[in-house]
Amino acid sequence: AEGYLAEAVESDDRVTLVEHHCPIREAADSCSGLCSAELNLFQRALGADVLVAREQHVLDGGQRCAYSVSQR
């Protein structure tokens, strides 16, 4: 019941969305499309004026998943 344990870390030119826990990890291990869908969801929700890029990824050996959010 931990959820994503997410936080937003602000810097001068961007915000980094950090997910310290992944409740869909087991499913994502079998279907990496879930992670792509999450990235796409963030991009669509935040709009065309914003760039969302994955900086860290648990499935690629990262400690957590993290997304950089900045103005285009």
PDB file of N, CA and C in Angstrom:
ATOM      1  N   ALA A   1       0.827  -1.198   0.000  1.00  0.00           N
ATOM      2  CA  ALA A   1       0.000   0.000   0.000  1.00  0.00           C
ATOM      3  C   ALA A   1       0.863   1.250   0.000  1.00  0.00           C
ATOM      4  N   GLU A   2       2.079   1.178  -0.548  1.00  0.00           N
ATOM      5  CA  GLU A   2       2.968   2.330  -0.545  1.00  0.00           C
ATOM      6  C   GLU A   2       2.688   3.304  -1.672  1.00  0.00           C
ATOM      7  N   GLY A   3       2.026   2.871  -2.721  1.00  0.00           N
ATOM      8  CA  GLY A   3       1.808   3.758  -3.857  1.00  0.00           C
ATOM      9  C   GLY A   3       3.130   4.089  -4.526  1.00  0.00           C
ATOM     10  N   TYR A   4       3.196   5.241  -5.135  1.00  0.00           N
ATOM     11  CA  TYR A   4       4.400   5.633  -5.864  1.00  0.00           C
ATOM     12  C   TYR A   4       5.440   6.320  -4.983  1.00  0.00           C
ATOM     13  N   LEU A   5       5.051   6.823  -3.822  1.00  0.00           N
ATOM     14  CA  LEU A   5       5.948   7.605  -2.967  1.00  0.00           C
ATOM     15  C   LEU A   5       6.674   8.656  -3.804  1.00  0.00           C
ATOM     16  N   ALA A   6       5.895   9.442  -4.516  1.00  0.00           N
ATOM     17  CA  ALA A   6       6.454  10.415  -5.461  1.00  0.00           C
ATOM     18  C   ALA A   6       6.741  11.750  -4.786  1.00  0.00           C
ATOM     19  N   GLU A   7       7.708  12.438  -5.357  1.00  0.00           N
ATOM     20  CA  GLU A   7       8.003  13.806  -4.927  1.00  0.00           C
ATOM     21  C   GLU A   7       8.447  14.608  -6.140  1.00  0.00           C
ATOM     22  N   ALA A   8       8.266  15.912  -6.054  1.00  0.00           N
ATOM     23  CA  ALA A   8       8.723  16.822  -7.101  1.00  0.00           C
ATOM     24  C   ALA A   8       9.893  17.623  -6.549  1.00  0.00           C
ATOM     25  N   VAL A   9      11.007  17.601  -7.266  1.00  0.00           N
ATOM     26  CA  VAL A   9      12.211  18.324  -6.857  1.00  0.00           C
ATOM     27  C   VAL A   9      12.421  19.460  -7.849  1.00  0.00           C
ATOM     28  N   GLU A  10      12.339  20.694  -7.360  1.00  0.00           N
ATOM     29  CA  GLU A  10      12.455  21.860  -8.233  1.00  0.00           C
ATOM     30  C   GLU A  10      13.894  22.344  -8.328  1.00  0.00           C
ATOM     31  N   SER A  11      14.288  22.758  -9.528  1.00  0.00           N
ATOM     32  CA  SER A  11      15.563  23.435  -9.748  1.00  0.00           C
ATOM     33  C   SER A  11      15.268  24.671 -10.585  1.00  0.00           C
ATOM     34  N   ASP A  12      16.298  25.383 -11.006  1.00  0.00           N
ATOM     35  CA  ASP A  12      16.098  26.640 -11.725  1.00  0.00           C
ATOM     36  C   ASP A  12      15.312  26.485 -13.015  1.00  0.00           C
ATOM     37  N   ASP A  13      15.602  25.455 -13.794  1.00  0.00           N
ATOM     38  CA  ASP A  13      15.012  25.359 -15.126  1.00  0.00           C
ATOM     39  C   ASP A  13      14.113  24.152 -15.337  1.00  0.00           C
ATOM     40  N   ARG A  14      13.881  23.371 -14.281  1.00  0.00           N
ATOM     41  CA  ARG A  14      13.045  22.187 -14.452  1.00  0.00           C
ATOM     42  C   ARG A  14      12.542  21.674 -13.110  1.00  0.00           C
ATOM     43  N   VAL A  15      11.625  20.745 -13.216  1.00  0.00           N
ATOM     44  CA  VAL A  15      11.140  19.993 -12.059  1.00  0.00           C
ATOM     45  C   VAL A  15      11.429  18.526 -12.358  1.00  0.00           C
ATOM     46  N   THR A  16      11.926  17.812 -11.375  1.00  0.00           N
ATOM     47  CA  THR A  16      12.144  16.382 -11.536  1.00  0.00           C
ATOM     48  C   THR A  16      11.105  15.652 -10.700  1.00  0.00           C
ATOM     49  N   LEU A  17      10.303  14.837 -11.372  1.00  0.00           N
ATOM     50  CA  LEU A  17       9.316  14.008 -10.697  1.00  0.00           C
ATOM     51  C   LEU A  17       9.990  12.678 -10.384  1.00  0.00           C
ATOM     52  N   VAL A  18      10.087  12.362  -9.101  1.00  0.00           N
ATOM     53  CA  VAL A  18      10.780  11.153  -8.658  1.00  0.00           C
ATOM     54  C   VAL A  18       9.758  10.184  -8.065  1.00  0.00           C
ATOM     55  N   GLU A  19       9.758   8.965  -8.567  1.00  0.00           N
ATOM     56  CA  GLU A  19       8.906   7.898  -8.040  1.00  0.00           C
ATOM     57  C   GLU A  19       9.813   6.938  -7.273  1.00  0.00           C
ATOM     58  N   HIS A  20       9.729   6.980  -5.947  1.00  0.00           N
ATOM     59  CA  HIS A  20      10.608   6.158  -5.117  1.00  0.00           C
ATOM     60  C   HIS A  20      10.152   4.707  -5.027  1.00  0.00           C
ATOM     61  N   HIS A  21       8.929   4.436  -5.417  1.00  0.00           N
ATOM     62  CA  HIS A  21       8.381   3.078  -5.357  1.00  0.00           C
ATOM     63  C   HIS A  21       7.485   2.881  -6.569  1.00  0.00           C
ATOM     64  N   CYS A  22       7.465   1.691  -7.106  1.00  0.00           N
ATOM     65  CA  CYS A  22       6.637   1.409  -8.281  1.00  0.00           C
ATOM     66  C   CYS A  22       5.645   0.296  -7.963  1.00  0.00           C
ATOM     67  N   PRO A  23       4.379   0.632  -7.760  1.00  0.00           N
ATOM     68  CA  PRO A  23       3.397  -0.397  -7.458  1.00  0.00           C
ATOM     69  C   PRO A  23       3.066  -1.300  -8.649  1.00  0.00           C
ATOM     70  N   ILE A  24       3.498  -0.922  -9.850  1.00  0.00           N
ATOM     71  CA  ILE A  24       3.240  -1.752 -11.032  1.00  0.00           C
ATOM     72  C   ILE A  24       4.504  -2.472 -11.503  1.00  0.00           C
ATOM     73  N   ARG A  25       5.509  -2.546 -10.659  1.00  0.00           N
ATOM     74  CA  ARG A  25       6.809  -3.109 -11.043  1.00  0.00           C
ATOM     75  C   ARG A  25       6.704  -4.527 -11.594  1.00  0.00           C
ATOM     76  N   GLU A  26       5.987  -5.392 -10.911  1.00  0.00           N
ATOM     77  CA  GLU A  26       5.894  -6.781 -11.374  1.00  0.00           C
ATOM     78  C   GLU A  26       5.262  -6.857 -12.755  1.00  0.00           C
ATOM     79  N   ALA A  27       4.212  -6.084 -12.976  1.00  0.00           N
ATOM     80  CA  ALA A  27       3.569  -6.069 -14.295  1.00  0.00           C
ATOM     81  C   ALA A  27       4.500  -5.456 -15.333  1.00  0.00           C
ATOM     82  N   ALA A  28       5.221  -4.394 -14.956  1.00  0.00           N
ATOM     83  CA  ALA A  28       6.132  -3.727 -15.893  1.00  0.00           C
ATOM     84  C   ALA A  28       7.297  -4.633 -16.284  1.00  0.00           C
ATOM     85  N   ASP A  29       7.715  -5.515 -15.382  1.00  0.00           N
ATOM     86  CA  ASP A  29       8.766  -6.480 -15.725  1.00  0.00           C
ATOM     87  C   ASP A  29       8.357  -7.339 -16.918  1.00  0.00           C
ATOM     88  N   SER A  30       7.078  -7.638 -17.012  1.00  0.00           N
ATOM     89  CA  SER A  30       6.561  -8.472 -18.103  1.00  0.00           C
ATOM     90  C   SER A  30       6.106  -7.667 -19.307  1.00  0.00           C
ATOM     91  N   CYS A  31       5.776  -6.399 -19.083  1.00  0.00           N
ATOM     92  CA  CYS A  31       5.228  -5.572 -20.161  1.00  0.00           C
ATOM     93  C   CYS A  31       5.791  -4.159 -20.048  1.00  0.00           C
ATOM     94  N   SER A  32       6.934  -3.917 -20.677  1.00  0.00           N
ATOM     95  CA  SER A  32       7.583  -2.605 -20.571  1.00  0.00           C
ATOM     96  C   SER A  32       6.742  -1.499 -21.200  1.00  0.00           C
ATOM     97  N   GLY A  33       5.727  -1.874 -21.957  1.00  0.00           N
ATOM     98  CA  GLY A  33       4.825  -0.878 -22.527  1.00  0.00           C
ATOM     99  C   GLY A  33       4.117  -0.060 -21.465  1.00  0.00           C
ATOM    100  N   LEU A  34       3.985  -0.604 -20.257  1.00  0.00           N
ATOM    101  CA  LEU A  34       3.380   0.159 -19.167  1.00  0.00           C
ATOM    102  C   LEU A  34       4.214   1.394 -18.849  1.00  0.00           C
ATOM    103  N   CYS A  35       5.516   1.249 -18.855  1.00  0.00           N
ATOM    104  CA  CYS A  35       6.402   2.381 -18.569  1.00  0.00           C
ATOM    105  C   CYS A  35       6.325   3.419 -19.683  1.00  0.00           C
ATOM    106  N   SER A  36       6.264   2.975 -20.909  1.00  0.00           N
ATOM    107  CA  SER A  36       6.117   3.900 -22.040  1.00  0.00           C
ATOM    108  C   SER A  36       4.796   4.637 -21.947  1.00  0.00           C
ATOM    109  N   ALA A  37       3.751   3.931 -21.541  1.00  0.00           N
ATOM    110  CA  ALA A  37       2.438   4.561 -21.397  1.00  0.00           C
ATOM    111  C   ALA A  37       2.459   5.613 -20.291  1.00  0.00           C
ATOM    112  N   GLU A  38       3.191   5.349 -19.210  1.00  0.00           N
ATOM    113  CA  GLU A  38       3.298   6.317 -18.124  1.00  0.00           C
ATOM    114  C   GLU A  38       3.984   7.594 -18.613  1.00  0.00           C
ATOM    115  N   LEU A  39       5.089   7.447 -19.328  1.00  0.00           N
ATOM    116  CA  LEU A  39       5.793   8.605 -19.877  1.00  0.00           C
ATOM    117  C   LEU A  39       4.881   9.384 -20.823  1.00  0.00           C
ATOM    118  N   ASN A  40       4.167   8.686 -21.682  1.00  0.00           N
ATOM    119  CA  ASN A  40       3.237   9.320 -22.615  1.00  0.00           C
ATOM    120  C   ASN A  40       2.116  10.045 -21.872  1.00  0.00           C
ATOM    121  N   LEU A  41       1.608   9.449 -20.806  1.00  0.00           N
ATOM    122  CA  LEU A  41       0.567  10.082 -20.004  1.00  0.00           C
ATOM    123  C   LEU A  41       1.056  11.399 -19.413  1.00  0.00           C
ATOM    124  N   PHE A  42       2.249  11.400 -18.831  1.00  0.00           N
ATOM    125  CA  PHE A  42       2.802  12.636 -18.275  1.00  0.00           C
ATOM    126  C   PHE A  42       2.929  13.701 -19.355  1.00  0.00           C
ATOM    127  N   GLN A  43       3.452  13.318 -20.514  1.00  0.00           N
ATOM    128  CA  GLN A  43       3.646  14.280 -21.603  1.00  0.00           C
ATOM    129  C   GLN A  43       2.312  14.861 -22.054  1.00  0.00           C
ATOM    130  N   ARG A  44       1.328  14.020 -22.249  1.00  0.00           N
ATOM    131  CA  ARG A  44       0.018  14.489 -22.714  1.00  0.00           C
ATOM    132  C   ARG A  44      -0.678  15.332 -21.663  1.00  0.00           C
ATOM    133  N   ALA A  45      -0.571  14.950 -20.396  1.00  0.00           N
ATOM    134  CA  ALA A  45      -1.230  15.688 -19.322  1.00  0.00           C
ATOM    135  C   ALA A  45      -0.619  17.069 -19.124  1.00  0.00           C
ATOM    136  N   LEU A  46       0.687  17.179 -19.311  1.00  0.00           N
ATOM    137  CA  LEU A  46       1.368  18.455 -19.081  1.00  0.00           C
ATOM    138  C   LEU A  46       1.357  19.366 -20.295  1.00  0.00           C
ATOM    139  N   GLY A  47       1.089  18.830 -21.472  1.00  0.00           N
ATOM    140  CA  GLY A  47       0.892  19.658 -22.656  1.00  0.00           C
ATOM    141  C   GLY A  47       2.102  19.794 -23.553  1.00  0.00           C
ATOM    142  N   ALA A  48       1.832  20.363 -24.724  1.00  0.00           N
ATOM    143  CA  ALA A  48       2.836  20.465 -25.787  1.00  0.00           C
ATOM    144  C   ALA A  48       3.950  21.465 -25.480  1.00  0.00           C
ATOM    145  N   ASP A  49       3.725  22.390 -24.546  1.00  0.00           N
ATOM    146  CA  ASP A  49       4.745  23.386 -24.216  1.00  0.00           C
ATOM    147  C   ASP A  49       5.789  22.857 -23.240  1.00  0.00           C
ATOM    148  N   VAL A  50       5.596  21.631 -22.798  1.00  0.00           N
ATOM    149  CA  VAL A  50       6.465  21.034 -21.784  1.00  0.00           C
ATOM    150  C   VAL A  50       7.132  19.790 -22.366  1.00  0.00           C
ATOM    151  N   LEU A  51       8.397  19.596 -22.021  1.00  0.00           N
ATOM    152  CA  LEU A  51       9.135  18.396 -22.413  1.00  0.00           C
ATOM    153  C   LEU A  51       9.296  17.507 -21.187  1.00  0.00           C
ATOM    154  N   VAL A  52       8.893  16.257 -21.311  1.00  0.00           N
ATOM    155  CA  VAL A  52       9.059  15.278 -20.238  1.00  0.00           C
ATOM    156  C   VAL A  52      10.039  14.222 -20.733  1.00  0.00           C
ATOM    157  N   ALA A  53      11.097  13.988 -19.960  1.00  0.00           N
ATOM    158  CA  ALA A  53      12.108  13.000 -20.346  1.00  0.00           C
ATOM    159  C   ALA A  53      12.429  12.115 -19.147  1.00  0.00           C
ATOM    160  N   ARG A  54      12.526  10.824 -19.374  1.00  0.00           N
ATOM    161  CA  ARG A  54      12.880   9.904 -18.293  1.00  0.00           C
ATOM    162  C   ARG A  54      14.379  10.006 -18.042  1.00  0.00           C
ATOM    163  N   GLU A  55      14.754  10.252 -16.783  1.00  0.00           N
ATOM    164  CA  GLU A  55      16.167  10.347 -16.398  1.00  0.00           C
ATOM    165  C   GLU A  55      16.669   9.067 -15.745  1.00  0.00           C
ATOM    166  N   GLN A  56      15.807   8.404 -14.992  1.00  0.00           N
ATOM    167  CA  GLN A  56      16.161   7.152 -14.327  1.00  0.00           C
ATOM    168  C   GLN A  56      15.015   6.174 -14.529  1.00  0.00           C
ATOM    169  N   HIS A  57      15.351   4.881 -14.583  1.00  0.00           N
ATOM    170  CA  HIS A  57      14.330   3.875 -14.847  1.00  0.00           C
ATOM    171  C   HIS A  57      14.683   2.599 -14.093  1.00  0.00           C
ATOM    172  N   VAL A  58      13.792   2.146 -13.259  1.00  0.00           N
ATOM    173  CA  VAL A  58      14.030   0.947 -12.457  1.00  0.00           C
ATOM    174  C   VAL A  58      14.313  -0.261 -13.348  1.00  0.00           C
ATOM    175  N   LEU A  59      13.583  -0.383 -14.448  1.00  0.00           N
ATOM    176  CA  LEU A  59      13.773  -1.545 -15.316  1.00  0.00           C
ATOM    177  C   LEU A  59      15.118  -1.530 -16.037  1.00  0.00           C
ATOM    178  N   ASP A  60      15.780  -0.370 -16.055  1.00  0.00           N
ATOM    179  CA  ASP A  60      17.117  -0.271 -16.645  1.00  0.00           C
ATOM    180  C   ASP A  60      18.204  -0.281 -15.574  1.00  0.00           C
ATOM    181  N   GLY A  61      17.840  -0.692 -14.356  1.00  0.00           N
ATOM    182  CA  GLY A  61      18.815  -0.801 -13.281  1.00  0.00           C
ATOM    183  C   GLY A  61      18.875   0.386 -12.346  1.00  0.00           C
ATOM    184  N   GLY A  62      18.013   1.366 -12.541  1.00  0.00           N
ATOM    185  CA  GLY A  62      18.001   2.537 -11.666  1.00  0.00           C
ATOM    186  C   GLY A  62      17.418   2.217 -10.297  1.00  0.00           C
ATOM    187  N   GLN A  63      17.710   3.060  -9.330  1.00  0.00           N
ATOM    188  CA  GLN A  63      17.169   2.902  -7.980  1.00  0.00           C
ATOM    189  C   GLN A  63      15.700   3.299  -7.912  1.00  0.00           C
ATOM    190  N   ARG A  64      15.272   4.106  -8.879  1.00  0.00           N
ATOM    191  CA  ARG A  64      13.912   4.648  -8.915  1.00  0.00           C
ATOM    192  C   ARG A  64      13.635   5.117 -10.329  1.00  0.00           C
ATOM    193  N   CYS A  65      12.426   5.549 -10.571  1.00  0.00           N
ATOM    194  CA  CYS A  65      12.106   6.184 -11.849  1.00  0.00           C
ATOM    195  C   CYS A  65      12.037   7.688 -11.615  1.00  0.00           C
ATOM    196  N   ALA A  66      12.604   8.446 -12.529  1.00  0.00           N
ATOM    197  CA  ALA A  66      12.598   9.900 -12.402  1.00  0.00           C
ATOM    198  C   ALA A  66      12.396  10.519 -13.778  1.00  0.00           C
ATOM    199  N   TYR A  67      11.597  11.576 -13.802  1.00  0.00           N
ATOM    200  CA  TYR A  67      11.269  12.265 -15.044  1.00  0.00           C
ATOM    201  C   TYR A  67      11.608  13.741 -14.906  1.00  0.00           C
ATOM    202  N   SER A  68      12.305  14.269 -15.884  1.00  0.00           N
ATOM    203  CA  SER A  68      12.629  15.683 -15.947  1.00  0.00           C
ATOM    204  C   SER A  68      11.511  16.393 -16.704  1.00  0.00           C
ATOM    205  N   VAL A  69      11.010  17.483 -16.138  1.00  0.00           N
ATOM    206  CA  VAL A  69       9.935  18.257 -16.750  1.00  0.00           C
ATOM    207  C   VAL A  69      10.436  19.686 -16.939  1.00  0.00           C
ATOM    208  N   SER A  70      10.452  20.157 -18.191  1.00  0.00           N
ATOM    209  CA  SER A  70      10.951  21.506 -18.477  1.00  0.00           C
ATOM    210  C   SER A  70      10.155  22.132 -19.614  1.00  0.00           C
ATOM    211  N   GLN A  71      10.264  23.452 -19.733  1.00  0.00           N
ATOM    212  CA  GLN A  71       9.623  24.160 -20.840  1.00  0.00           C
ATOM    213  C   GLN A  71      10.363  23.847 -22.123  1.00  0.00           C
ATOM    214  N   ARG A  72       9.631  23.763 -23.229  1.00  0.00           N
ATOM    215  CA  ARG A  72      10.262  23.546 -24.540  1.00  0.00           C
ATOM    216  C   ARG A  72      10.889  24.831 -25.008  1.00  0.00           C
TER     217      ARG A  72
END
